[in-house]
Amino acid sequence: MSAIYTKDPATGERVTLSELAKRHGVHVSTISRRYSEGKRGRRSLSKWICKRTSLS
């Protein structure tokens, strides 16, 4: 299986789903599932980005 690349909505960098999960403290299976459901970018991490920004 080859890696799937996407944009990290927080930084704009192109990263693998695995790297995206590590960066945001989310299990890779959660990111993979949301990606396969068509949730990309901010929608794939919406819960975690909102928590992170509200804590800052």
Protein backbone atom coordinates (compact mmCIF):
# COMPACT_ATOMS: atom_id res chain seq x y z
CA MET A 1 0.00 0.00 0.00
CA SER A 2 1.38 3.40 -0.91
CA ALA A 3 1.15 6.45 1.32
CA ILE A 4 -1.65 8.97 0.87
CA TYR A 5 -0.58 12.60 0.93
CA THR A 6 -2.72 15.54 1.97
CA LYS A 7 -2.24 19.10 3.12
CA ASP A 8 -1.85 19.82 6.84
CA PRO A 9 -4.53 22.49 7.38
CA ALA A 10 -2.54 24.03 10.23
CA THR A 11 0.69 24.55 8.26
CA GLY A 12 -0.16 24.08 4.59
CA GLU A 13 2.56 21.45 4.22
CA ARG A 14 2.03 18.31 2.14
CA VAL A 15 2.27 15.31 4.49
CA THR A 16 1.17 11.69 4.72
CA LEU A 17 -1.98 10.81 6.63
CA SER A 18 0.26 9.08 9.17
CA GLU A 19 2.33 12.24 9.71
CA LEU A 20 -0.82 14.35 9.93
CA ALA A 21 -2.17 12.06 12.65
CA LYS A 22 1.09 12.27 14.63
CA ARG A 23 1.22 16.06 14.38
CA HIS A 24 -2.30 16.47 15.75
CA GLY A 25 -2.38 13.63 18.29
CA VAL A 26 -5.06 11.67 16.42
CA HIS A 27 -4.97 7.95 15.68
CA VAL A 28 -4.09 7.28 12.04
CA SER A 29 -7.15 5.06 11.58
CA THR A 30 -9.37 8.03 12.50
CA ILE A 31 -7.70 10.23 9.88
CA SER A 32 -7.84 7.43 7.29
CA ARG A 33 -11.54 6.82 7.92
CA ARG A 34 -12.41 10.50 7.72
CA TYR A 35 -10.32 10.84 4.53
CA SER A 36 -12.14 7.88 2.92
CA GLU A 37 -15.47 9.51 3.89
CA GLY A 38 -14.45 12.53 1.82
CA LYS A 39 -13.53 14.74 4.79
CA ARG A 40 -10.39 16.54 3.73
CA GLY A 41 -8.38 19.46 5.08
CA ARG A 42 -9.90 21.19 8.11
CA ARG A 43 -12.90 18.84 8.05
CA SER A 44 -10.63 15.85 8.69
CA LEU A 45 -9.27 17.49 11.86
CA SER A 46 -12.08 19.85 12.80
CA LYS A 47 -12.55 18.53 16.36
CA TRP A 48 -8.83 18.65 17.15
CA ILE A 49 -8.04 22.00 15.54
CA CYS A 50 -10.93 23.64 17.44
CA LYS A 51 -9.65 22.21 20.74
CA ARG A 52 -6.09 23.29 20.02
CA THR A 53 -7.06 26.86 19.10
CA SER A 54 -9.38 27.30 22.04
CA LEU A 55 -6.60 26.31 24.43
CA SER A 56 -4.12 28.82 23.02
